Protein backbone atom coordinates (compact mmCIF):
# COMPACT_ATOMS: atom_id res chain seq x y z
CA MET A 1 -46.27 -37.23 37.80
CA ASN A 2 -49.86 -38.36 37.99
CA THR A 3 -51.55 -39.48 41.26
CA GLU A 4 -51.50 -43.15 40.28
CA LEU A 5 -47.71 -43.14 39.99
CA GLN A 6 -47.25 -41.09 43.14
CA THR A 7 -49.01 -43.91 45.08
CA TYR A 8 -47.66 -46.81 43.09
CA THR A 9 -46.38 -49.73 45.16
CA PRO A 10 -44.54 -52.42 43.15
CA ALA A 11 -44.98 -56.05 44.15
CA PRO A 12 -41.90 -57.67 45.78
CA ASP A 13 -41.60 -60.12 42.79
CA LEU A 14 -42.52 -57.60 40.13
CA LEU A 15 -39.55 -58.38 37.97
CA GLU A 16 -39.08 -62.08 38.67
CA GLU A 17 -37.73 -64.05 35.72
CA ARG A 18 -36.99 -60.77 33.80
CA ALA A 19 -33.65 -59.71 32.33
CA ILE A 20 -33.21 -55.93 32.32
CA LEU A 21 -30.31 -53.96 30.84
CA VAL A 22 -29.39 -50.60 32.46
CA THR A 23 -26.93 -48.18 30.80
CA GLY A 24 -24.97 -45.81 33.04
CA ALA A 25 -25.34 -48.44 35.76
CA GLY A 26 -22.12 -47.50 37.59
CA ASP A 27 -23.50 -44.65 39.72
CA GLY A 28 -26.39 -42.21 40.18
CA ILE A 29 -29.81 -43.14 38.92
CA GLY A 30 -28.51 -46.10 36.90
CA ALA A 31 -26.89 -47.72 39.92
CA ALA A 32 -29.94 -47.17 42.11
CA ALA A 33 -32.31 -48.46 39.48
CA ALA A 34 -30.18 -51.57 38.83
CA ARG A 35 -30.09 -52.40 42.57
CA ARG A 36 -33.81 -51.85 42.89
CA PHE A 37 -34.62 -53.91 39.81
CA ALA A 38 -32.61 -56.71 41.32
CA LYS A 39 -34.37 -56.40 44.58
CA HIS A 40 -37.64 -57.07 42.78
CA GLY A 41 -36.29 -60.25 41.19
CA ALA A 42 -34.66 -59.20 37.92
CA THR A 43 -31.46 -60.39 36.40
CA VAL A 44 -29.69 -57.08 35.70
CA VAL A 45 -27.20 -56.37 32.94
CA LEU A 46 -24.91 -53.54 34.14
CA VAL A 47 -23.58 -51.42 31.24
CA GLY A 48 -21.25 -48.48 31.88
CA ARG A 49 -17.81 -47.00 31.22
CA THR A 50 -16.01 -47.90 34.46
CA GLN A 51 -15.32 -51.53 35.45
CA ALA A 52 -14.78 -50.71 39.13
CA LYS A 53 -18.04 -48.84 39.48
CA LEU A 54 -19.97 -51.64 37.76
CA GLU A 55 -18.29 -54.16 40.04
CA ALA A 56 -19.33 -52.18 43.08
CA VAL A 57 -22.99 -52.35 41.94
CA TYR A 58 -22.58 -56.00 41.15
CA ASP A 59 -21.29 -56.69 44.68
CA ALA A 60 -24.11 -54.69 46.23
CA ILE A 61 -26.73 -56.66 44.33
CA GLU A 62 -25.18 -60.02 45.30
CA ALA A 63 -24.80 -58.86 48.97
CA ALA A 64 -28.48 -58.08 49.05
CA GLY A 65 -29.37 -61.49 47.81
CA GLY A 66 -30.16 -60.56 44.16
CA LYS A 67 -29.61 -62.79 41.17
CA LYS A 68 -26.12 -62.69 39.69
CA PRO A 69 -25.86 -59.70 37.37
CA ALA A 70 -23.92 -59.38 34.17
CA ILE A 71 -21.34 -56.69 33.41
CA PHE A 72 -20.49 -55.16 30.07
CA VAL A 73 -17.98 -52.25 30.03
CA MET A 74 -18.92 -49.91 27.22
CA ASP A 75 -18.08 -46.27 26.52
CA PHE A 76 -20.81 -44.92 24.22
CA ALA A 77 -18.59 -42.04 23.14
CA LYS A 78 -16.20 -44.50 21.62
CA ALA A 79 -18.22 -47.60 20.92
CA GLN A 80 -18.22 -49.00 17.35
CA GLY A 81 -20.34 -51.54 15.56
CA ASP A 82 -18.45 -54.52 16.93
CA ASP A 83 -18.93 -53.38 20.52
CA TYR A 84 -22.76 -53.36 20.01
CA GLN A 85 -22.64 -56.73 18.32
CA ASN A 86 -20.50 -58.24 21.03
CA LEU A 87 -23.07 -57.05 23.61
CA PHE A 88 -25.83 -58.61 21.63
CA ASP A 89 -23.99 -61.90 21.22
CA GLY A 90 -23.16 -62.09 24.88
CA LEU A 91 -26.75 -61.41 25.98
CA GLU A 92 -28.11 -63.88 23.48
CA LYS A 93 -25.74 -66.59 24.69
CA GLU A 94 -26.23 -65.92 28.39
CA LEU A 95 -29.88 -64.84 28.64
CA GLY A 96 -31.54 -65.66 25.34
CA LYS A 97 -33.88 -62.67 25.61
CA LEU A 98 -34.23 -59.18 27.06
CA ASP A 99 -37.33 -58.06 28.91
CA GLY A 100 -36.38 -54.48 29.72
CA LEU A 101 -33.95 -51.77 28.53
CA LEU A 102 -33.37 -48.63 30.60
CA HIS A 103 -31.44 -45.96 28.74
CA ASN A 104 -29.94 -44.01 31.61
CA ALA A 105 -26.37 -43.12 30.41
CA GLY A 106 -25.84 -39.58 29.24
CA ILE A 107 -23.47 -36.56 29.38
CA LEU A 108 -24.19 -32.89 30.01
CA GLY A 109 -21.95 -31.36 27.36
CA SER A 110 -21.37 -27.66 28.02
CA ARG A 111 -23.76 -24.97 29.35
CA SER A 112 -23.08 -22.48 26.60
CA PRO A 113 -25.01 -20.27 24.14
CA ILE A 114 -25.50 -21.72 20.69
CA GLU A 115 -23.36 -18.94 19.23
CA HIS A 116 -20.33 -20.12 21.20
CA TYR A 117 -21.06 -23.82 21.52
CA GLU A 118 -17.91 -25.87 20.66
CA ILE A 119 -18.71 -28.17 17.68
CA PRO A 120 -16.75 -31.21 18.99
CA THR A 121 -18.65 -31.06 22.29
CA TRP A 122 -21.91 -30.71 20.41
CA LEU A 123 -21.22 -33.75 18.30
CA GLU A 124 -20.09 -35.87 21.28
CA THR A 125 -23.15 -34.91 23.39
CA ILE A 126 -25.58 -35.67 20.58
CA HIS A 127 -23.85 -38.96 19.94
CA VAL A 128 -23.82 -40.25 23.50
CA ASN A 129 -27.27 -39.00 24.36
CA LEU A 130 -29.18 -39.75 21.16
CA ASN A 131 -27.25 -41.70 18.57
CA ALA A 132 -25.97 -44.37 21.03
CA PRO A 133 -29.44 -45.13 22.44
CA PHE A 134 -30.73 -45.42 18.87
CA ILE A 135 -27.96 -47.83 17.90
CA LEU A 136 -28.27 -49.85 21.13
CA THR A 137 -32.07 -50.13 20.84
CA GLN A 138 -31.85 -51.19 17.18
CA THR A 139 -29.18 -53.77 18.04
CA LEU A 140 -31.20 -55.27 20.90
CA LEU A 141 -34.66 -55.25 19.31
CA PRO A 142 -34.41 -58.98 18.27
CA LEU A 143 -33.73 -59.90 21.92
CA LEU A 144 -36.59 -57.65 23.18
CA ARG A 145 -38.95 -59.31 20.71
CA LYS A 146 -38.16 -62.70 22.31
CA SER A 147 -39.70 -61.47 25.54
CA ALA A 148 -43.35 -61.99 26.30
CA ASP A 149 -43.61 -58.52 27.77
CA PRO A 150 -40.74 -56.19 26.76
CA ALA A 151 -40.34 -52.53 27.74
CA VAL A 152 -37.98 -49.83 26.72
CA VAL A 153 -37.49 -46.73 28.86
CA PHE A 154 -35.58 -43.62 27.63
CA THR A 155 -34.41 -40.91 30.00
CA SER A 156 -35.67 -37.47 29.03
CA SER A 157 -35.56 -34.01 30.70
CA GLY A 158 -37.71 -30.97 31.18
CA VAL A 159 -35.35 -29.14 28.69
CA GLY A 160 -36.23 -31.83 26.17
CA ARG A 161 -39.79 -30.62 26.04
CA LYS A 162 -39.27 -26.87 26.21
CA GLY A 163 -35.95 -25.41 25.14
CA ARG A 164 -34.04 -23.28 27.55
CA ALA A 165 -31.10 -20.99 27.08
CA TYR A 166 -27.60 -22.39 27.46
CA TRP A 167 -28.69 -26.07 27.54
CA GLY A 168 -27.45 -26.50 23.96
CA ALA A 169 -26.71 -30.09 22.71
CA TYR A 170 -28.10 -31.71 25.88
CA ALA A 171 -31.56 -30.20 25.38
CA VAL A 172 -31.48 -30.96 21.71
CA SER A 173 -30.50 -34.56 22.38
CA LYS A 174 -33.39 -34.92 24.75
CA PHE A 175 -35.84 -33.43 22.26
CA GLY A 176 -34.51 -36.15 19.94
CA ILE A 177 -35.02 -38.85 22.55
CA GLU A 178 -38.68 -37.84 22.98
CA GLY A 179 -39.14 -38.17 19.21
CA LEU A 180 -37.30 -41.44 18.96
CA ALA A 181 -39.40 -42.93 21.67
CA GLN A 182 -42.67 -41.80 20.14
CA ILE A 183 -41.67 -43.19 16.69
CA LEU A 184 -40.55 -46.48 18.11
CA ALA A 185 -43.70 -46.78 20.20
CA ASP A 186 -45.82 -46.25 17.10
CA GLU A 187 -43.83 -48.83 15.15
CA CYS A 188 -43.77 -51.54 17.84
CA ASP A 189 -47.07 -53.03 18.79
CA ASN A 190 -45.51 -55.58 21.09
CA ILE A 191 -42.96 -53.41 22.93
CA ARG A 192 -43.83 -50.68 25.37
CA VAL A 193 -41.70 -47.61 24.79
CA ASN A 194 -41.82 -44.65 27.12
CA CYS A 195 -39.75 -41.69 28.34
CA ILE A 196 -39.05 -40.73 31.94
CA ASN A 197 -37.94 -37.35 33.27
CA PRO A 198 -36.28 -37.82 36.68
CA GLY A 199 -36.31 -34.08 37.51
CA PRO A 200 -33.76 -32.46 39.82
CA ILE A 201 -31.87 -35.28 41.52
CA ARG A 202 -28.74 -35.45 43.68
CA THR A 203 -26.36 -36.69 40.94
CA ALA A 204 -22.94 -35.75 39.61
CA MET A 205 -24.51 -34.47 36.44
CA ARG A 206 -26.81 -32.17 38.42
CA LYS A 207 -23.88 -30.84 40.38
CA LEU A 208 -22.00 -30.03 37.16
CA ALA A 209 -25.03 -28.22 35.81
CA TYR A 210 -25.76 -26.31 39.01
CA PRO A 211 -22.52 -26.06 40.99
CA GLY A 212 -23.90 -23.53 43.44
CA GLU A 213 -26.97 -25.58 44.42
CA ASP A 214 -27.30 -27.17 47.81
CA PRO A 215 -27.56 -30.94 47.07
CA SER A 216 -29.25 -31.62 50.40
CA THR A 217 -32.37 -29.86 49.00
CA LEU A 218 -32.68 -32.51 46.24
CA LYS A 219 -34.11 -36.00 46.26
CA THR A 220 -31.67 -38.88 45.89
CA PRO A 221 -31.90 -41.44 43.01
CA ALA A 222 -33.38 -44.01 45.44
CA ASP A 223 -36.28 -41.61 46.18
CA ILE A 224 -37.70 -41.64 42.69
CA LEU A 225 -37.61 -45.22 41.45
CA GLU A 226 -41.32 -46.19 41.61
CA PRO A 227 -42.05 -44.71 38.16
CA TYR A 228 -39.06 -46.60 36.76
CA LEU A 229 -40.38 -49.83 38.18
CA PHE A 230 -43.83 -49.11 36.82
CA LEU A 231 -42.59 -48.45 33.29
CA ILE A 232 -40.08 -51.34 33.13
CA GLY A 233 -42.40 -53.91 34.70
CA PRO A 234 -45.74 -55.55 33.76
CA ASP A 235 -47.95 -53.03 35.55
CA SER A 236 -47.45 -50.58 32.69
CA GLN A 237 -49.04 -52.80 30.12
CA GLY A 238 -51.09 -50.56 27.78
CA THR A 239 -48.85 -47.58 28.54
CA THR A 240 -46.68 -46.63 25.51
CA GLY A 241 -45.53 -43.59 23.71
CA GLN A 242 -45.80 -41.61 26.91
CA SER A 243 -43.38 -39.20 28.69
CA LEU A 244 -43.73 -39.29 32.43
CA ASP A 245 -42.30 -37.15 35.23
CA CYS A 246 -40.84 -38.58 38.49
CA GLN A 247 -41.54 -35.43 40.39
């Protein structure tokens, strides 16, 4: 992360009057980002697989004085065309536009050599981590274009820039996300499109990938959110097609 982002301090009303959708908003980085976006004035759309987890984030936002969020339960491993269209229709009716889209949802797949990687797991991981963000972005582009200052942020990874043994479909999906973001940024003059790499963070996915690691040595999701605020908000105007690190 560059020095400017390390010292970035977002204004309290940075996201006032903005509607921002966060996938994987039920826990981890997605939940922390949603709460923080709401704290800075955004109306947050919470998208995730588990109703109870989304409701907990909803309650936390309201308890902190944030604007009333919206909840859409969606499992990207199973979602079909109608699910995406229903999300679009609901957002169009309730909000009329979308100012920000944070792609945070993802799955690890298995840590396995390519030679032994199970094909169903490969297909599911690529679908959830790459195909679903493509479909969701394509579906929501008309709403993003109705915003005066829209931004899309994809979640990448260090293994999506340099391949590493045993990271399999997860790494390949993140290489794909980097490419998707670059292409979309080049195609869209009026929408900022960037990638963000959170780095090692105290999350359930990290624990699954590194079960022997001491989580107390890692930063929490709440510790790394300034770069997210920068990319999703107006201060990143002119920044597009980039891939930034939180750490």
